[in-house]
């Protein structure tokens, strides 16, 4: 399955995603600049992304832990998510998202 990620410079990348991987793992494995300091344990907000509008309602909602971390992140929008909390499934084939600005 494929996903489309726009980097911080506006360049669009088509990435292959394996079912069961987190979106963060897919982005990191592709060598894109995402910190993901906690390694996907929902303990930081350094894998912040923006889901494209057409995907907001198609991706499972953030749990309470993720929502609390997003409250502490920078440049939050209505479509903000932590990509470590999005598990790739066949329903997410074609997912589009943009890397949020780097916090530092």
N, C-alpha and C. Protein backbone atom coordinates (compact mmCIF):
# COMPACT_ATOMS: atom_id res chain seq x y z
N UNK A 1 0.84 -1.17 0.00
CA UNK A 1 0.00 0.00 0.00
C UNK A 1 0.89 1.23 0.00
N UNK A 2 0.37 2.32 -0.54
CA UNK A 2 1.15 3.54 -0.66
C UNK A 2 0.55 4.67 0.15
N UNK A 3 1.42 5.56 0.62
CA UNK A 3 0.99 6.78 1.30
C UNK A 3 1.75 7.94 0.68
N UNK A 4 1.21 9.13 0.84
CA UNK A 4 1.82 10.34 0.30
C UNK A 4 2.15 11.26 1.46
N UNK A 5 3.43 11.59 1.61
CA UNK A 5 3.87 12.47 2.69
C UNK A 5 4.53 13.70 2.07
N UNK A 6 4.11 14.87 2.53
CA UNK A 6 4.73 16.12 2.11
C UNK A 6 5.71 16.54 3.19
N UNK A 7 6.96 16.80 2.79
CA UNK A 7 7.96 17.19 3.78
C UNK A 7 7.85 18.68 4.12
N UNK A 8 8.71 19.15 4.98
CA UNK A 8 8.64 20.53 5.46
C UNK A 8 8.98 21.57 4.39
N UNK A 9 9.60 21.13 3.32
CA UNK A 9 9.93 22.03 2.20
C UNK A 9 8.85 22.00 1.11
N UNK A 10 7.84 21.17 1.30
CA UNK A 10 6.76 21.08 0.33
C UNK A 10 6.94 20.01 -0.72
N UNK A 11 8.01 19.24 -0.63
CA UNK A 11 8.24 18.15 -1.59
C UNK A 11 7.36 16.96 -1.21
N UNK A 12 6.75 16.36 -2.22
CA UNK A 12 5.83 15.24 -2.02
C UNK A 12 6.59 13.92 -2.23
N UNK A 13 6.39 12.98 -1.29
CA UNK A 13 7.05 11.68 -1.32
C UNK A 13 6.00 10.58 -1.31
N UNK A 14 6.11 9.63 -2.22
CA UNK A 14 5.24 8.46 -2.20
C UNK A 14 6.01 7.34 -1.53
N UNK A 15 5.46 6.82 -0.44
CA UNK A 15 6.13 5.81 0.36
C UNK A 15 5.31 4.52 0.38
N UNK A 16 5.99 3.40 0.44
CA UNK A 16 5.31 2.12 0.61
C UNK A 16 5.14 1.85 2.09
N UNK A 17 3.96 1.40 2.47
CA UNK A 17 3.66 1.15 3.88
C UNK A 17 3.26 -0.31 4.07
N UNK A 18 3.77 -0.90 5.11
CA UNK A 18 3.42 -2.28 5.47
C UNK A 18 2.29 -2.27 6.49
N UNK A 19 1.25 -3.08 6.29
CA UNK A 19 0.19 -3.17 7.30
C UNK A 19 0.79 -3.55 8.65
N UNK A 20 0.29 -2.92 9.69
CA UNK A 20 0.75 -3.19 11.06
C UNK A 20 1.84 -2.24 11.52
N UNK A 21 2.54 -1.60 10.60
CA UNK A 21 3.56 -0.62 10.98
C UNK A 21 2.85 0.66 11.39
N UNK A 22 3.48 1.44 12.23
CA UNK A 22 2.94 2.77 12.52
C UNK A 22 3.35 3.70 11.38
N UNK A 23 2.59 4.74 11.18
CA UNK A 23 2.93 5.73 10.18
C UNK A 23 4.29 6.34 10.47
N UNK A 24 4.63 6.50 11.73
CA UNK A 24 5.95 7.01 12.12
C UNK A 24 7.05 6.09 11.63
N UNK A 25 6.88 4.79 11.77
CA UNK A 25 7.89 3.83 11.31
C UNK A 25 8.09 3.92 9.80
N UNK A 26 7.00 4.07 9.06
CA UNK A 26 7.08 4.18 7.61
C UNK A 26 7.86 5.43 7.22
N UNK A 27 7.54 6.55 7.85
CA UNK A 27 8.22 7.82 7.54
C UNK A 27 9.69 7.75 7.91
N UNK A 28 9.99 7.23 9.07
CA UNK A 28 11.38 7.13 9.53
C UNK A 28 12.18 6.17 8.65
N UNK A 29 11.59 5.03 8.31
CA UNK A 29 12.26 4.03 7.47
C UNK A 29 12.61 4.60 6.09
N UNK A 30 11.79 5.54 5.62
CA UNK A 30 12.04 6.17 4.32
C UNK A 30 13.14 7.23 4.40
N UNK A 31 13.66 7.48 5.61
CA UNK A 31 14.74 8.44 5.78
C UNK A 31 14.28 9.88 5.83
N UNK A 32 13.00 10.10 6.05
CA UNK A 32 12.50 11.46 6.14
C UNK A 32 12.84 12.04 7.51
N UNK A 33 12.96 13.37 7.60
CA UNK A 33 13.40 14.01 8.84
C UNK A 33 12.30 14.11 9.90
N UNK A 34 12.10 13.04 10.61
CA UNK A 34 11.15 13.05 11.73
C UNK A 34 11.90 12.55 12.95
N UNK A 35 11.81 13.29 14.05
CA UNK A 35 12.59 12.94 15.24
C UNK A 35 12.11 11.66 15.90
N UNK A 36 10.85 11.60 16.23
CA UNK A 36 10.29 10.42 16.90
C UNK A 36 11.18 9.98 18.05
N UNK A 37 11.48 10.92 18.93
CA UNK A 37 12.45 10.69 20.01
C UNK A 37 12.10 9.54 20.94
N UNK A 38 10.82 9.31 21.18
CA UNK A 38 10.45 8.25 22.12
C UNK A 38 10.34 6.89 21.43
N UNK A 39 10.52 6.86 20.13
CA UNK A 39 10.49 5.59 19.41
C UNK A 39 9.10 5.03 19.18
N UNK A 40 8.09 5.82 19.37
CA UNK A 40 6.73 5.37 19.10
C UNK A 40 5.92 4.98 20.31
N UNK A 41 6.36 5.39 21.48
CA UNK A 41 5.66 5.02 22.72
C UNK A 41 4.70 6.08 23.23
N UNK A 42 4.39 7.07 22.40
CA UNK A 42 3.45 8.14 22.75
C UNK A 42 3.89 8.83 24.04
N UNK A 43 5.19 9.18 24.08
CA UNK A 43 5.75 9.85 25.26
C UNK A 43 6.34 11.22 24.91
N UNK A 44 6.24 11.61 23.65
CA UNK A 44 6.71 12.93 23.22
C UNK A 44 5.79 13.38 22.09
N UNK A 45 6.08 14.48 21.48
CA UNK A 45 5.27 14.94 20.35
C UNK A 45 6.15 15.25 19.15
N UNK A 46 7.28 14.54 19.03
CA UNK A 46 8.24 14.84 17.97
C UNK A 46 7.95 14.09 16.67
N UNK A 47 6.80 13.46 16.58
CA UNK A 47 6.37 12.83 15.32
C UNK A 47 5.05 13.46 14.85
N UNK A 48 4.90 14.73 15.14
CA UNK A 48 3.70 15.50 14.82
C UNK A 48 3.55 15.65 13.31
N UNK A 49 2.36 15.35 12.82
CA UNK A 49 2.04 15.52 11.41
C UNK A 49 0.68 16.19 11.29
N UNK A 50 0.35 16.59 10.07
CA UNK A 50 -0.98 17.08 9.73
C UNK A 50 -1.60 16.13 8.73
N UNK A 51 -2.74 15.55 9.06
CA UNK A 51 -3.47 14.73 8.11
C UNK A 51 -4.13 15.63 7.08
N UNK A 52 -4.13 15.23 5.81
CA UNK A 52 -4.88 15.98 4.81
C UNK A 52 -6.36 15.90 5.17
N UNK A 53 -7.09 16.95 4.81
CA UNK A 53 -8.50 17.06 5.20
C UNK A 53 -9.33 15.82 4.88
N UNK A 54 -9.12 15.20 3.75
CA UNK A 54 -9.90 14.04 3.37
C UNK A 54 -9.65 12.81 4.22
N UNK A 55 -8.63 12.86 5.07
CA UNK A 55 -8.26 11.69 5.88
C UNK A 55 -8.59 11.84 7.36
N UNK A 56 -8.95 13.01 7.79
CA UNK A 56 -9.18 13.25 9.22
C UNK A 56 -10.21 12.28 9.80
N UNK A 57 -11.33 12.11 9.11
CA UNK A 57 -12.39 11.24 9.61
C UNK A 57 -12.18 9.77 9.26
N UNK A 58 -11.17 9.47 8.46
CA UNK A 58 -10.93 8.08 8.05
C UNK A 58 -9.90 7.39 8.94
N UNK A 59 -9.16 8.18 9.70
CA UNK A 59 -8.15 7.64 10.61
C UNK A 59 -8.78 7.58 12.00
N UNK A 60 -8.59 6.49 12.74
CA UNK A 60 -9.14 6.42 14.10
C UNK A 60 -8.74 7.64 14.93
N UNK A 61 -9.65 8.10 15.76
CA UNK A 61 -9.42 9.29 16.58
C UNK A 61 -8.28 9.10 17.56
N UNK A 62 -7.69 10.22 17.96
CA UNK A 62 -6.62 10.20 18.96
C UNK A 62 -7.18 9.75 20.30
N UNK A 63 -6.39 8.95 21.02
CA UNK A 63 -6.80 8.57 22.37
C UNK A 63 -6.44 9.71 23.33
N UNK A 64 -6.80 9.58 24.58
CA UNK A 64 -6.58 10.64 25.57
C UNK A 64 -5.10 10.97 25.74
N UNK A 65 -4.26 9.95 25.76
CA UNK A 65 -2.82 10.16 25.93
C UNK A 65 -2.23 10.98 24.78
N UNK A 66 -2.61 10.64 23.56
CA UNK A 66 -2.14 11.38 22.40
C UNK A 66 -2.66 12.82 22.44
N UNK A 67 -3.92 12.99 22.76
CA UNK A 67 -4.51 14.34 22.82
C UNK A 67 -3.78 15.22 23.83
N UNK A 68 -3.40 14.65 24.97
CA UNK A 68 -2.66 15.42 25.99
C UNK A 68 -1.29 15.84 25.47
N UNK A 69 -0.60 14.96 24.77
CA UNK A 69 0.71 15.31 24.21
C UNK A 69 0.57 16.37 23.12
N UNK A 70 -0.46 16.27 22.30
CA UNK A 70 -0.67 17.28 21.27
C UNK A 70 -0.94 18.65 21.88
N UNK A 71 -1.58 18.68 23.04
CA UNK A 71 -1.83 19.95 23.72
C UNK A 71 -0.54 20.67 24.07
N UNK A 72 0.56 19.93 24.20
CA UNK A 72 1.84 20.53 24.56
C UNK A 72 2.74 20.78 23.35
N UNK A 73 2.32 20.34 22.18
CA UNK A 73 3.14 20.49 20.97
C UNK A 73 2.97 21.88 20.38
N UNK A 74 3.85 22.21 19.44
CA UNK A 74 3.82 23.49 18.74
C UNK A 74 3.03 23.38 17.45
N UNK A 75 2.51 24.50 16.97
CA UNK A 75 1.85 24.58 15.66
C UNK A 75 0.73 23.57 15.47
N UNK A 76 -0.09 23.42 16.50
CA UNK A 76 -1.20 22.47 16.47
C UNK A 76 -2.33 23.01 15.59
N UNK A 77 -2.89 22.11 14.79
CA UNK A 77 -4.04 22.42 13.94
C UNK A 77 -5.12 21.38 14.21
N UNK A 78 -6.30 21.58 13.64
CA UNK A 78 -7.41 20.63 13.84
C UNK A 78 -7.09 19.25 13.29
N UNK A 79 -6.14 19.19 12.37
CA UNK A 79 -5.78 17.92 11.73
C UNK A 79 -4.45 17.37 12.26
N UNK A 80 -3.99 17.87 13.39
CA UNK A 80 -2.74 17.41 13.99
C UNK A 80 -2.89 16.01 14.58
N UNK A 81 -1.87 15.20 14.38
CA UNK A 81 -1.80 13.87 14.97
C UNK A 81 -0.35 13.52 15.25
N UNK A 82 -0.16 12.54 16.12
CA UNK A 82 1.16 11.95 16.32
C UNK A 82 1.18 10.69 15.47
N UNK A 83 2.11 10.65 14.51
CA UNK A 83 2.06 9.54 13.55
C UNK A 83 2.46 8.21 14.16
N UNK A 84 3.04 8.21 15.36
CA UNK A 84 3.35 6.94 16.02
C UNK A 84 2.07 6.24 16.47
N UNK A 85 0.97 6.97 16.52
CA UNK A 85 -0.29 6.41 17.00
C UNK A 85 -1.24 6.01 15.88
N UNK A 86 -0.77 6.08 14.65
CA UNK A 86 -1.58 5.68 13.49
C UNK A 86 -1.00 4.39 12.94
N UNK A 87 -1.76 3.31 13.07
CA UNK A 87 -1.33 2.01 12.57
C UNK A 87 -1.83 1.83 11.15
N UNK A 88 -0.92 1.45 10.28
CA UNK A 88 -1.26 1.29 8.88
C UNK A 88 -2.14 0.05 8.67
N UNK A 89 -3.24 0.25 7.97
CA UNK A 89 -4.15 -0.83 7.59
C UNK A 89 -4.51 -0.62 6.12
N UNK A 90 -5.12 -1.61 5.51
CA UNK A 90 -5.51 -1.48 4.10
C UNK A 90 -6.48 -0.31 3.89
N UNK A 91 -7.25 0.03 4.90
CA UNK A 91 -8.17 1.16 4.80
C UNK A 91 -7.44 2.49 4.67
N UNK A 92 -6.16 2.53 5.03
CA UNK A 92 -5.39 3.77 4.95
C UNK A 92 -4.52 3.85 3.70
N UNK A 93 -4.73 2.94 2.76
CA UNK A 93 -4.01 3.00 1.50
C UNK A 93 -4.31 4.34 0.82
N UNK A 94 -3.27 5.06 0.44
CA UNK A 94 -3.43 6.37 -0.18
C UNK A 94 -3.41 7.53 0.80
N UNK A 95 -3.25 7.24 2.08
CA UNK A 95 -3.22 8.29 3.12
C UNK A 95 -2.29 9.42 2.71
N UNK A 96 -2.72 10.65 2.99
CA UNK A 96 -1.91 11.84 2.72
C UNK A 96 -1.73 12.62 4.00
N UNK A 97 -0.48 13.04 4.25
CA UNK A 97 -0.17 13.82 5.44
C UNK A 97 1.06 14.70 5.16
N UNK A 98 1.26 15.68 6.03
CA UNK A 98 2.37 16.61 5.92
C UNK A 98 3.12 16.65 7.25
N UNK A 99 4.44 16.64 7.19
CA UNK A 99 5.23 16.77 8.41
C UNK A 99 5.03 18.15 9.00
N UNK A 100 4.77 18.21 10.30
CA UNK A 100 4.63 19.49 10.99
C UNK A 100 6.00 20.14 11.11
N UNK A 101 6.03 21.47 11.31
CA UNK A 101 7.33 22.14 11.47
C UNK A 101 8.13 21.52 12.61
N UNK A 102 9.44 21.51 12.45
CA UNK A 102 10.32 21.00 13.47
C UNK A 102 10.26 21.95 14.68
N UNK A 103 10.20 21.39 15.87
CA UNK A 103 10.04 22.21 17.07
C UNK A 103 11.27 23.02 17.41
N UNK A 104 12.44 22.61 16.96
CA UNK A 104 13.67 23.34 17.31
C UNK A 104 14.30 23.97 16.10
